[in-house]
Protein backbone atom coordinates (compact mmCIF):
# COMPACT_ATOMS: atom_id res chain seq x y z
CA UNK A 1 66.55 149.94 90.47
CA UNK A 2 64.57 151.78 87.43
CA UNK A 3 61.82 149.35 86.18
CA UNK A 4 63.90 149.19 82.99
CA UNK A 5 66.66 147.50 84.90
CA UNK A 6 64.96 144.67 86.45
CA UNK A 7 66.62 141.44 85.10
CA UNK A 8 67.44 138.71 87.77
CA UNK A 9 70.96 139.16 87.02
CA UNK A 10 70.93 143.13 87.57
CA UNK A 11 68.95 143.21 90.19
CA UNK A 12 71.66 140.25 92.34
CA UNK A 13 74.59 142.37 90.87
CA UNK A 14 73.22 145.59 93.20
CA UNK A 15 72.38 144.14 95.75
CA UNK A 16 75.77 142.16 96.27
CA UNK A 17 77.05 145.79 95.74
CA UNK A 18 74.28 147.57 98.04
CA UNK A 19 75.42 144.71 100.64
CA UNK A 20 79.21 145.23 100.09
CA UNK A 21 78.75 149.01 100.23
CA UNK A 22 76.99 148.93 103.89
CA UNK A 23 79.05 146.26 105.34
CA UNK A 24 76.67 144.38 105.57
CA UNK A 25 75.97 140.65 104.07
CA UNK A 26 72.51 138.47 104.87
CA UNK A 27 73.28 134.76 107.15
CA UNK A 28 72.43 133.47 103.76
CA UNK A 29 71.50 133.64 100.30
CA UNK A 30 69.03 131.18 101.02
CA UNK A 31 67.29 133.64 103.35
CA UNK A 32 67.40 136.52 101.34
CA UNK A 33 65.22 134.92 98.18
CA UNK A 34 62.77 133.68 100.36
CA UNK A 35 63.88 130.29 101.86
CA UNK A 36 61.72 128.39 104.74
CA UNK A 37 63.78 128.31 108.36
CA UNK A 38 64.48 125.77 110.13
CA UNK A 39 65.52 124.73 113.83
CA UNK A 40 68.99 123.90 114.65
CA UNK A 41 69.97 119.65 115.11
CA UNK A 42 68.74 119.36 118.64
CA UNK A 43 71.37 119.02 121.94
CA UNK A 44 72.28 115.55 123.30
CA UNK A 45 70.04 115.02 126.25
CA UNK A 46 72.71 115.69 129.33
CA UNK A 47 73.07 114.76 133.02
CA UNK A 48 75.27 117.51 134.10
CA UNK A 49 76.09 120.78 132.10
CA UNK A 50 79.95 120.95 132.55
CA UNK A 51 81.77 124.07 132.55
CA UNK A 52 85.26 124.36 130.53
CA UNK A 53 88.35 123.93 132.33
CA UNK A 54 89.64 127.83 131.32
CA UNK A 55 86.06 129.57 132.75
CA UNK A 56 85.67 130.40 128.34
CA UNK A 57 82.05 131.21 128.74
CA UNK A 58 80.98 133.42 125.97
CA UNK A 59 76.94 132.78 126.60
CA UNK A 60 74.23 131.16 125.26
CA UNK A 61 71.98 133.16 122.00
CA UNK A 62 68.50 131.84 121.35
CA UNK A 63 65.57 132.78 118.86
CA UNK A 64 66.05 133.74 115.35
CA UNK A 65 69.04 135.14 115.93
CA UNK A 66 70.89 131.86 117.14
CA UNK A 67 68.58 129.43 114.26
CA UNK A 68 70.25 132.35 111.35
CA UNK A 69 73.68 132.11 112.76
CA UNK A 70 73.35 128.29 112.64
CA UNK A 71 72.30 128.43 108.94
CA UNK A 72 74.98 130.67 107.75
CA UNK A 73 77.20 127.81 108.07
CA UNK A 74 77.83 124.21 108.58
CA UNK A 75 76.96 122.79 111.92
CA UNK A 76 80.39 122.45 114.55
CA UNK A 77 78.28 119.77 116.58
CA UNK A 78 76.02 117.16 115.98
CA UNK A 79 76.49 112.98 115.22
CA UNK A 80 79.29 111.62 113.39
CA UNK A 81 79.09 111.41 110.05
CA UNK A 82 79.64 108.16 108.28
CA UNK A 83 82.03 108.45 105.98
CA UNK A 84 82.56 106.13 102.74
CA UNK A 85 85.07 106.25 100.33
CA UNK A 86 83.54 106.21 96.73
CA UNK A 87 86.59 107.65 94.46
CA UNK A 88 89.43 105.50 93.72
CA UNK A 89 92.59 104.92 95.55
CA UNK A 90 95.19 106.31 93.64
CA UNK A 91 97.75 103.08 92.21
CA UNK A 92 101.44 104.12 92.00
CA UNK A 93 103.04 100.96 91.39
CA UNK A 94 102.65 98.31 89.16
CA UNK A 95 102.47 94.07 89.88
CA UNK A 96 106.35 94.01 89.86
CA UNK A 97 107.25 96.64 92.20
CA UNK A 98 105.06 95.89 94.79
CA UNK A 99 106.26 92.09 94.28
CA UNK A 100 109.52 93.73 94.40
CA UNK A 101 108.86 95.40 97.71
CA UNK A 102 107.13 92.65 99.60
CA UNK A 103 110.14 90.40 98.57
CA UNK A 104 112.53 92.78 100.55
CA UNK A 105 110.41 92.58 103.21
CA UNK A 106 110.48 88.96 103.58
CA UNK A 107 114.21 89.09 103.45
CA UNK A 108 114.65 91.74 105.92
CA UNK A 109 112.56 89.65 108.12
CA UNK A 110 114.61 86.30 107.26
CA UNK A 111 118.33 88.10 106.93
CA UNK A 112 118.20 90.30 109.34
CA UNK A 113 115.30 88.99 111.71
CA UNK A 114 113.62 90.92 114.27
CA UNK A 115 114.27 91.39 117.94
CA UNK A 116 111.86 90.69 120.57
CA UNK A 117 112.23 91.82 124.29
CA UNK A 118 109.18 89.15 125.57
CA UNK A 119 109.87 85.50 126.35
CA UNK A 120 106.20 85.19 126.04
CA UNK A 121 105.81 86.70 122.81
CA UNK A 122 109.47 84.76 121.57
CA UNK A 123 107.73 81.56 122.45
CA UNK A 124 104.88 82.49 120.67
CA UNK A 125 106.61 83.30 117.66
CA UNK A 126 108.55 79.68 118.08
CA UNK A 127 106.12 77.68 118.03
CA UNK A 128 104.57 79.22 115.15
CA UNK A 129 107.55 78.28 113.41
CA UNK A 130 109.95 81.23 113.14
CA UNK A 131 114.06 80.41 114.26
CA UNK A 132 114.61 82.17 117.36
CA UNK A 133 118.03 83.21 118.68
CA UNK A 134 118.03 84.63 122.20
CA UNK A 135 115.08 87.74 121.39
CA UNK A 136 116.19 87.70 117.74
CA UNK A 137 113.17 86.15 115.58
CA UNK A 138 113.63 84.96 112.22
CA UNK A 139 111.00 84.82 109.90
CA UNK A 140 110.64 82.28 106.92
CA UNK A 141 109.59 84.55 103.84
CA UNK A 142 106.04 84.55 103.70
CA UNK A 143 105.71 82.60 107.34
CA UNK A 144 104.60 86.74 108.69
CA UNK A 145 102.11 87.07 106.17
CA UNK A 146 100.73 84.00 106.66
CA UNK A 147 100.12 84.58 110.63
CA UNK A 148 97.92 88.00 109.60
CA UNK A 149 95.46 86.00 107.86
CA UNK A 150 93.13 85.24 110.23
CA UNK A 151 93.38 89.63 111.52
CA UNK A 152 89.58 90.71 110.21
CA UNK A 153 89.75 92.89 106.88
CA UNK A 154 86.64 95.10 108.49
CA UNK A 155 85.23 95.01 111.79
CA UNK A 156 83.12 97.53 113.98
CA UNK A 157 84.15 99.95 116.59
CA UNK A 158 81.11 100.61 119.34
CA UNK A 159 80.47 103.47 121.60
CA UNK A 160 77.74 104.98 124.24
CA UNK A 161 75.34 105.37 121.42
CA UNK A 162 74.22 103.72 117.91
CA UNK A 163 75.11 106.44 116.35
CA UNK A 164 78.83 106.44 117.28
CA UNK A 165 78.93 102.99 115.98
CA UNK A 166 81.97 103.12 112.91
CA UNK A 167 83.13 100.21 111.03
CA UNK A 168 86.97 100.70 110.19
CA UNK A 169 88.59 98.77 106.82
CA UNK A 170 86.54 98.28 103.19
CA UNK A 171 85.59 101.77 102.00
CA UNK A 172 85.15 102.84 105.62
CA UNK A 173 87.19 105.76 107.03
CA UNK A 174 87.45 107.00 110.39
CA UNK A 175 89.60 110.25 112.12
CA UNK A 176 90.65 110.40 114.84
CA UNK A 177 92.29 113.60 116.58
CA UNK A 178 95.86 114.16 117.11
CA UNK A 179 97.96 111.60 119.80
CA UNK A 180 100.73 112.72 122.57
CA UNK A 181 102.22 115.75 122.68
CA UNK A 182 103.36 117.11 125.76
CA UNK A 183 102.26 120.86 125.10
CA UNK A 184 99.67 122.81 124.18
CA UNK A 185 99.14 126.07 122.57
CA UNK A 186 96.37 128.96 122.22
CA UNK A 187 96.43 132.38 120.92
CA UNK A 188 95.70 133.26 124.42
CA UNK A 189 98.23 131.91 126.57
CA UNK A 190 100.51 130.54 124.44
CA UNK A 191 102.94 127.42 124.30
CA UNK A 192 102.81 125.66 128.04
CA UNK A 193 102.80 122.24 129.45
CA UNK A 194 99.05 120.18 129.27
CA UNK A 195 97.09 119.64 132.15
CA UNK A 196 94.14 117.76 132.53
CA UNK A 197 91.71 120.40 131.81
CA UNK A 198 93.24 120.67 128.58
CA UNK A 199 92.74 116.87 127.80
CA UNK A 200 88.84 117.29 129.07
CA UNK A 201 88.62 119.81 126.76
CA UNK A 202 89.99 118.48 123.31
CA UNK A 203 87.93 115.15 124.33
CA UNK A 204 85.25 117.69 124.79
CA UNK A 205 85.89 119.37 120.98
CA UNK A 206 85.90 115.73 119.84
CA UNK A 207 82.86 114.77 120.90
CA UNK A 208 81.18 117.92 119.35
CA UNK A 209 82.47 117.22 116.04
CA UNK A 210 80.78 115.70 113.50
CA UNK A 211 83.75 114.85 111.62
CA UNK A 212 85.71 112.62 114.35
CA UNK A 213 84.04 109.23 114.45
CA UNK A 214 86.53 108.14 116.59
CA UNK A 215 87.63 109.83 120.76
CA UNK A 216 91.44 109.37 120.00
CA UNK A 217 93.80 107.79 123.07
CA UNK A 218 96.70 110.95 124.68
CA UNK A 219 95.28 114.08 122.66
CA UNK A 220 97.77 115.51 124.89
CA UNK A 221 99.65 114.64 127.80
CA UNK A 222 98.20 116.25 131.15
CA UNK A 223 101.54 116.44 133.04
CA UNK A 224 100.20 117.93 136.01
CA UNK A 225 98.84 114.17 136.79
CA UNK A 226 101.07 111.44 137.81
CA UNK A 227 102.95 109.49 135.23
CA UNK A 228 101.88 106.14 137.19
CA UNK A 229 98.07 107.26 137.43
CA UNK A 230 97.24 109.72 134.92
CA UNK A 231 95.89 106.77 132.37
CA UNK A 232 93.01 106.38 134.72
CA UNK A 233 91.72 109.77 134.35
CA UNK A 234 92.65 109.82 130.67
CA UNK A 235 90.14 107.17 130.32
CA UNK A 236 88.00 108.15 132.41
CA UNK A 237 87.69 111.16 130.87
CA UNK A 238 87.21 109.41 127.73
CA UNK A 239 84.40 107.03 128.98
CA UNK A 240 82.53 110.35 130.77
CA UNK A 241 82.69 113.25 128.05
CA UNK A 242 82.36 111.65 124.84
CA UNK A 243 79.78 108.69 123.44
CA UNK A 244 82.47 107.75 120.46
CA UNK A 245 85.56 104.69 120.64
CA UNK A 246 88.54 105.41 122.14
CA UNK A 247 92.05 103.80 122.51
CA UNK A 248 93.52 103.16 126.17
CA UNK A 249 96.77 103.23 127.93
CA UNK A 250 100.07 101.37 126.40
CA UNK A 251 102.61 102.98 127.98
CA UNK A 252 102.84 99.50 130.26
CA UNK A 253 101.00 96.36 130.13
CA UNK A 254 99.32 96.85 133.54
CA UNK A 255 98.02 100.42 132.52
CA UNK A 256 96.49 98.39 129.57
CA UNK A 257 95.23 96.15 131.56
CA UNK A 258 93.85 99.38 133.74
CA UNK A 259 92.44 100.38 130.41
CA UNK A 260 90.35 96.98 129.82
CA UNK A 261 89.18 97.08 133.29
CA UNK A 262 87.56 100.36 132.96
CA UNK A 263 86.20 99.54 129.85
CA UNK A 264 84.75 96.00 131.37
CA UNK A 265 82.97 98.03 133.92
CA UNK A 266 81.58 100.42 131.90
CA UNK A 267 80.49 98.48 128.92
CA UNK A 268 80.15 94.35 131.15
CA UNK A 269 82.89 92.30 130.53
CA UNK A 270 81.13 90.28 128.32
CA UNK A 271 80.27 92.81 125.61
CA UNK A 272 83.48 93.68 125.27
CA UNK A 273 84.33 89.62 124.25
CA UNK A 274 82.22 90.47 121.61
CA UNK A 275 82.58 94.14 120.87
CA UNK A 276 85.53 96.23 120.39
CA UNK A 277 85.33 100.06 122.14
CA UNK A 278 88.81 100.74 122.88
CA UNK A 279 92.03 100.37 121.06
CA UNK A 280 95.63 100.36 121.63
CA UNK A 281 98.54 102.39 119.51
CA UNK A 282 101.55 100.23 119.62
CA UNK A 283 104.58 101.51 117.91
CA UNK A 284 107.65 99.72 116.96
CA UNK A 285 110.58 100.70 118.76
CA UNK A 286 112.19 100.95 114.84
CA UNK A 287 114.28 99.19 113.53
CA UNK A 288 113.34 96.65 114.09
CA UNK A 289 112.93 95.87 117.86
CA UNK A 290 109.54 95.34 119.77
CA UNK A 291 110.24 95.96 123.51
CA UNK A 292 108.73 94.23 126.37
CA UNK A 293 106.05 97.51 127.51
CA UNK A 294 105.00 97.48 123.42
CA UNK A 295 104.34 93.78 123.12
CA UNK A 296 102.55 93.33 126.40
CA UNK A 297 100.21 95.65 126.17
CA UNK A 298 99.35 94.73 122.29
CA UNK A 299 98.88 90.36 123.75
CA UNK A 300 96.82 92.55 126.78
CA UNK A 301 94.48 94.02 123.85
CA UNK A 302 94.50 91.07 121.80
CA UNK A 303 93.60 88.65 124.84
CA UNK A 304 90.76 90.64 125.34
CA UNK A 305 89.94 90.67 121.50
CA UNK A 306 90.26 94.61 121.59
CA UNK A 307 92.06 96.40 118.64
CA UNK A 308 95.22 98.11 118.36
CA UNK A 309 97.17 100.49 115.39
CA UNK A 310 100.29 98.75 114.88
CA UNK A 311 102.46 101.74 113.65
CA UNK A 312 106.30 101.70 112.72
CA UNK A 313 107.32 104.88 113.50
CA UNK A 314 110.31 105.88 110.96
CA UNK A 315 112.07 108.58 109.74
CA UNK A 316 113.96 107.92 106.96
CA UNK A 317 118.07 108.21 107.30
CA UNK A 318 117.50 108.01 111.06
CA UNK A 319 115.40 104.77 112.09
CA UNK A 320 115.94 103.38 108.60
CA UNK A 321 117.19 103.63 105.20
CA UNK A 322 117.55 107.17 104.06
CA UNK A 323 116.20 105.91 100.51
CA UNK A 324 112.29 105.19 100.37
CA UNK A 325 111.71 101.75 98.71
CA UNK A 326 114.35 100.34 101.85
CA UNK A 327 111.97 102.58 104.18
CA UNK A 328 108.81 100.97 103.08
CA UNK A 329 109.94 97.23 102.77
CA UNK A 330 111.34 97.82 106.76
CA UNK A 331 107.98 99.49 107.14
CA UNK A 332 105.58 96.41 106.22
CA UNK A 333 108.12 94.10 107.63
CA UNK A 334 107.67 95.69 111.48
CA UNK A 335 103.42 95.77 110.75
CA UNK A 336 103.35 92.34 109.63
CA UNK A 337 105.15 91.20 112.73
CA UNK A 338 103.39 92.99 115.08
CA UNK A 339 99.70 91.61 113.60
CA UNK A 340 101.39 88.29 113.89
CA UNK A 341 101.82 88.73 117.60
CA UNK A 342 98.86 89.55 117.88
CA UNK A 343 97.02 86.55 115.85
CA UNK A 344 98.73 84.35 117.94
CA UNK A 345 97.81 85.24 120.78
CA UNK A 346 93.85 85.64 119.80
CA UNK A 347 93.32 84.33 115.98
CA UNK A 348 90.89 86.70 114.61
CA UNK A 349 91.50 89.77 116.98
CA UNK A 350 90.96 93.44 115.08
CA UNK A 351 94.26 94.83 113.98
CA UNK A 352 94.77 98.13 111.92
CA UNK A 353 97.75 98.02 109.43
CA UNK A 354 98.97 101.82 111.22
CA UNK A 355 102.38 103.35 109.10
CA UNK A 356 103.75 106.61 110.41
CA UNK A 357 106.58 106.96 107.79
CA UNK A 358 108.35 110.38 107.19
CA UNK A 359 111.49 111.95 105.82
CA UNK A 360 113.96 114.43 108.15
CA UNK A 361 116.20 117.44 107.28
CA UNK A 362 119.28 115.42 106.76
CA UNK A 363 121.50 118.75 108.10
CA UNK A 364 119.35 119.31 111.26
CA UNK A 365 117.81 115.57 112.31
CA UNK A 366 114.27 117.45 112.47
CA UNK A 367 111.51 115.31 111.20
CA UNK A 368 109.69 116.82 108.04
CA UNK A 369 105.94 116.27 106.29
CA UNK A 370 104.40 116.94 103.57
CA UNK A 371 107.41 115.69 101.08
CA UNK A 372 106.86 114.48 97.95
CA UNK A 373 109.17 111.40 98.96
CA UNK A 374 107.28 110.83 102.14
CA UNK A 375 104.26 111.15 100.29
CA UNK A 376 104.85 108.72 97.39
CA UNK A 377 105.83 106.17 100.41
CA UNK A 378 102.24 106.67 101.42
CA UNK A 379 100.95 105.65 97.90
CA UNK A 380 103.28 102.55 98.10
CA UNK A 381 102.24 101.50 101.58
CA UNK A 382 98.33 101.79 100.96
CA UNK A 383 98.64 99.40 97.97
CA UNK A 384 100.82 96.66 100.01
CA UNK A 385 98.08 97.74 103.25
CA UNK A 386 95.06 96.49 100.32
CA UNK A 387 96.78 93.05 99.30
CA UNK A 388 97.72 92.24 102.89
CA UNK A 389 93.50 92.17 103.42
CA UNK A 390 93.82 94.84 106.44
CA UNK A 391 92.28 98.03 107.26
CA UNK A 392 94.73 100.88 106.47
CA UNK A 393 96.05 103.68 108.87
CA UNK A 394 98.35 106.40 107.26
CA UNK A 395 98.14 110.20 106.69
CA UNK A 396 96.96 112.86 109.22
CA UNK A 397 97.10 117.06 109.34
CA UNK A 398 101.00 116.97 110.36
CA UNK A 399 103.30 119.54 110.48
CA UNK A 400 106.45 120.87 112.45
CA UNK A 401 105.18 124.46 111.92
CA UNK A 402 104.72 125.71 115.51
CA UNK A 403 102.28 128.23 114.33
CA UNK A 404 98.82 127.86 112.13
CA UNK A 405 100.32 129.57 109.10
CA UNK A 406 100.99 128.58 105.36
CA UNK A 407 103.41 125.88 105.83
CA UNK A 408 101.24 124.36 108.50
CA UNK A 409 98.18 124.97 105.75
CA UNK A 410 100.62 123.50 103.31
CA UNK A 411 102.48 119.93 105.28
CA UNK A 412 98.98 118.83 107.14
CA UNK A 413 96.88 119.10 103.18
CA UNK A 414 99.33 117.48 101.60
CA UNK A 415 100.05 114.60 104.00
CA UNK A 416 95.99 114.02 104.89
CA UNK A 417 94.87 114.18 101.33
CA UNK A 418 98.27 111.96 100.07
CA UNK A 419 96.93 109.43 102.83
CA UNK A 420 93.50 109.24 101.96
CA UNK A 421 94.05 109.22 98.26
CA UNK A 422 96.47 105.90 99.59
CA UNK A 423 93.49 104.38 100.82
CA UNK A 424 93.55 105.35 104.93
CA UNK A 425 90.35 103.24 106.76
CA UNK A 426 91.53 105.23 109.92
CA UNK A 427 93.41 108.53 110.06
CA UNK A 428 94.93 109.25 113.53
CA UNK A 429 96.00 112.56 114.03
CA UNK A 430 93.29 114.05 112.06
CA UNK A 431 93.16 117.02 114.60
CA UNK A 432 95.61 119.22 116.47
CA UNK A 433 99.20 118.34 115.55
CA UNK A 434 101.66 121.30 115.67
CA UNK A 435 105.39 121.34 116.04
CA UNK A 436 106.38 117.92 114.60
CA UNK A 437 104.16 116.24 117.86
CA UNK A 438 105.02 118.22 120.35
CA UNK A 439 102.26 120.13 120.65
CA UNK A 440 98.39 119.87 120.57
CA UNK A 441 96.87 123.55 119.60
CA UNK A 442 93.04 124.66 120.22
CA UNK A 443 93.69 126.47 117.02
CA UNK A 444 95.10 124.34 114.74
CA UNK A 445 92.38 121.68 116.37
CA UNK A 446 89.12 123.22 114.64
CA UNK A 447 91.29 124.21 111.84
CA UNK A 448 91.78 120.63 111.17
CA UNK A 449 88.32 120.13 112.08
CA UNK A 450 86.74 122.13 109.54
CA UNK A 451 89.37 120.00 106.66
CA UNK A 452 88.14 117.16 107.68
CA UNK A 453 84.79 117.98 106.84
CA UNK A 454 85.63 119.20 103.63
CA UNK A 455 87.54 116.17 103.13
CA UNK A 456 84.25 113.81 104.62
CA UNK A 457 82.43 115.28 101.43
CA UNK A 458 84.74 114.41 98.75
CA UNK A 459 85.59 110.97 99.83
CA UNK A 460 81.94 110.62 99.21
CA UNK A 461 82.17 111.28 95.43
CA UNK A 462 80.63 113.03 92.35
CA UNK A 463 76.95 111.11 92.01
CA UNK A 464 75.17 111.74 89.00
CA UNK A 465 71.52 110.85 88.74
CA UNK A 466 68.35 113.52 87.45
CA UNK A 467 69.00 115.70 90.29
CA UNK A 468 72.43 116.41 90.24
CA UNK A 469 72.07 116.92 86.03
CA UNK A 470 69.36 120.03 87.07
CA UNK A 471 67.37 119.72 84.04
CA UNK A 472 65.19 121.55 85.31
CA UNK A 473 66.88 124.10 86.58
CA UNK A 474 68.27 124.63 83.02
CA UNK A 475 64.11 125.02 82.04
CA UNK A 476 63.49 127.16 84.59
CA UNK A 477 66.01 129.78 84.22
CA UNK A 478 66.39 129.63 80.36
CA UNK A 479 69.13 131.29 78.51
CA UNK A 480 70.83 134.61 79.96
CA UNK A 481 69.17 134.53 83.71
CA UNK A 482 70.80 133.50 87.30
CA UNK A 483 69.67 130.15 89.08
CA UNK A 484 70.00 131.48 92.23
CA UNK A 485 66.09 131.42 93.16
CA UNK A 486 64.79 128.31 91.33
CA UNK A 487 63.43 125.72 93.03
CA UNK A 488 66.19 122.93 92.16
CA UNK A 489 69.17 125.69 94.17
CA UNK A 490 66.77 126.21 96.84
CA UNK A 491 66.21 122.02 97.26
CA UNK A 492 70.03 121.85 97.18
CA UNK A 493 70.66 124.70 98.93
CA UNK A 494 71.90 123.06 102.41
CA UNK A 495 73.69 119.95 100.58
CA UNK A 496 74.85 120.79 97.11
CA UNK A 497 78.15 122.60 98.48
CA UNK A 498 80.43 121.91 101.79
CA UNK A 499 80.32 124.97 103.83
CA UNK A 500 83.62 126.20 105.67
CA UNK A 501 83.39 126.98 109.17
CA UNK A 502 86.65 129.03 109.56
CA UNK A 503 86.70 130.35 105.70
CA UNK A 504 86.55 133.90 105.00
CA UNK A 505 84.35 134.84 102.16
CA UNK A 506 83.15 138.04 102.93
CA UNK A 507 84.21 141.31 101.05
CA UNK A 508 87.07 143.38 102.16
CA UNK A 509 84.99 146.26 103.92
CA UNK A 510 82.93 143.63 105.77
CA UNK A 511 86.21 141.52 107.04
CA UNK A 512 87.78 144.49 107.65
CA UNK A 513 84.99 145.97 109.98
CA UNK A 514 84.31 142.87 112.04
CA UNK A 515 88.10 142.85 113.28
CA UNK A 516 90.02 141.61 110.40
CA UNK A 517 90.38 138.67 111.81
CA UNK A 518 92.55 135.70 110.40
CA UNK A 519 91.98 132.17 110.39
CA UNK A 520 93.95 131.59 114.08
CA UNK A 521 91.95 134.86 115.52
CA UNK A 522 88.40 133.09 114.44
CA UNK A 523 89.44 129.12 114.87
CA UNK A 524 89.59 130.79 118.46
CA UNK A 525 86.71 132.10 118.59
CA UNK A 526 85.27 129.01 117.12
CA UNK A 527 86.92 126.69 119.67
CA UNK A 528 85.66 129.07 122.63
CA UNK A 529 82.48 128.61 121.41
CA UNK A 530 82.36 125.24 120.93
CA UNK A 531 83.46 124.76 124.34
CA UNK A 532 80.50 126.44 125.68
CA UNK A 533 77.99 124.90 124.21
CA UNK A 534 79.01 121.15 125.07
CA UNK A 535 77.30 119.15 127.67
CA UNK A 536 77.95 116.11 128.80
CA UNK A 537 76.40 113.03 127.83
CA UNK A 538 74.33 110.99 129.99
CA UNK A 539 75.61 108.32 131.70
CA UNK A 540 74.84 105.43 134.39
CA UNK A 541 75.64 106.50 138.28
CA UNK A 542 75.94 102.83 138.76
CA UNK A 543 78.82 102.72 136.11
CA UNK A 544 80.10 105.94 136.70
CA UNK A 545 79.82 105.14 140.65
CA UNK A 546 82.25 101.66 139.92
CA UNK A 547 84.59 103.41 138.09
CA UNK A 548 85.41 106.46 140.50
CA UNK A 549 85.95 103.11 143.02
CA UNK A 550 88.61 101.57 140.53
CA UNK A 551 90.56 104.62 140.33
CA UNK A 552 90.63 105.20 143.70
CA UNK A 553 91.58 101.62 144.67
CA UNK A 554 94.16 101.61 142.41
CA UNK A 555 95.73 105.45 142.68
CA UNK A 556 95.59 104.69 146.47
CA UNK A 557 97.90 100.94 146.48
CA UNK A 558 100.84 102.96 145.10
CA UNK A 559 102.52 106.35 145.54
CA UNK A 560 102.64 109.04 143.03
CA UNK A 561 105.79 108.52 140.65
CA UNK A 562 106.42 112.13 138.35
CA UNK A 563 108.88 110.41 136.14
């Protein structure tokens, strides 16, 4: 560069052009401009190093190279980030429309009623003033809503470390991974039945990510374990390989009790009386039916003062009306009945108003996600939930796509963003969901983690202060120059913008030279690196031994069942 052409802007352009020409780019502009380096986040102290189940270990890189790489993109591991919503929720409907939906919910509960296949629950409702005709329970207008009033508007869930404690409700947002798929997939082995090894891998990935505050529940269904015993191994995996709050079993009241007992063994029985560490995911058998399995599990968690998500699962045109207002009213009615039951069992037990409501292809019967009708319904549910004064669960990275493609990205992004704008406090299915909930995808899991990080940043809002206005930067840069080397830029370099772990923003030449990898291929590489870096958190050996003794006792007491 000649002495006559050394303006900062010209020098910057020459550097960029040269970098692209030789297919090279500095790890960060921060280091190019002389910024100081720092050590990566220390790893958690571990009792033992766990070998990932698929034997993928890529080796560990140390020294300056690893620090440089760590600074070139945001960390994929670290303590969970506390997400506080500072942006407003979206208010779709006016007062008159909201009242109309609430009154229609009351009409459903009063005139149509709900079938409850649980004599204990029926007796509780009868005592509370409901009209009972066999298994059918009818609620006078306003009764179900009044019974929900003792449920707390916010509550805390605790994990094994202070950093793992999270608050649910109010302006708090919690992300939890996929729940329930019997299949898993990755680019190497394709779509296949899930195993316990897969289950542990997803627990570890959720534990590593700073963008996941809750370990989840059935991240995939380990079909290589007996149906009547696998819940023991799944609960143990959450307790052993994660420090975060988690979900236990709800597939029978007895398995719910086993999950609670394992939590008591690990945390202490007295501790659970005053602290919420475990949840149940209670699905209503829509339309308007509560079966014995769900009510029995709900009563078990409520009695133990532990939390439940009460989640009607409704596809418009299948388990409810094809029109959204009727669907919304049904979902609210069903959720209120479940929450009311929890409060009759134990007033003050922490509950989440959870609604899984979407559309379906009326020609094929297949569920559809991210559709405009479903998104409008989610906005309305958010408003109704706030009026009820309860923590809300809506949204998630949902898609019916079979691969990580544009359809998966569009459907997931629309459903997730709308859920957050609607005011969701607890987002289940935040990472890994594919194929309408049939598959947990390794690549989609880490792709969604990156999205959770980006949305976490958006939830924090826009801070207007002296640093944000950047007056000193204008004064230092003056007119006609660039801002890259300024003190203000260097000071804010690491926090100014969210940096994706997966998006590729290199030149075409560099991208091609590095293998021309698409998003799914980069995600495939990333989840393997994360599992390679995983180290299990320390565990009390006495508690661990007691858990194994309990599990062995329960397993030895019955024959294996595979259906």
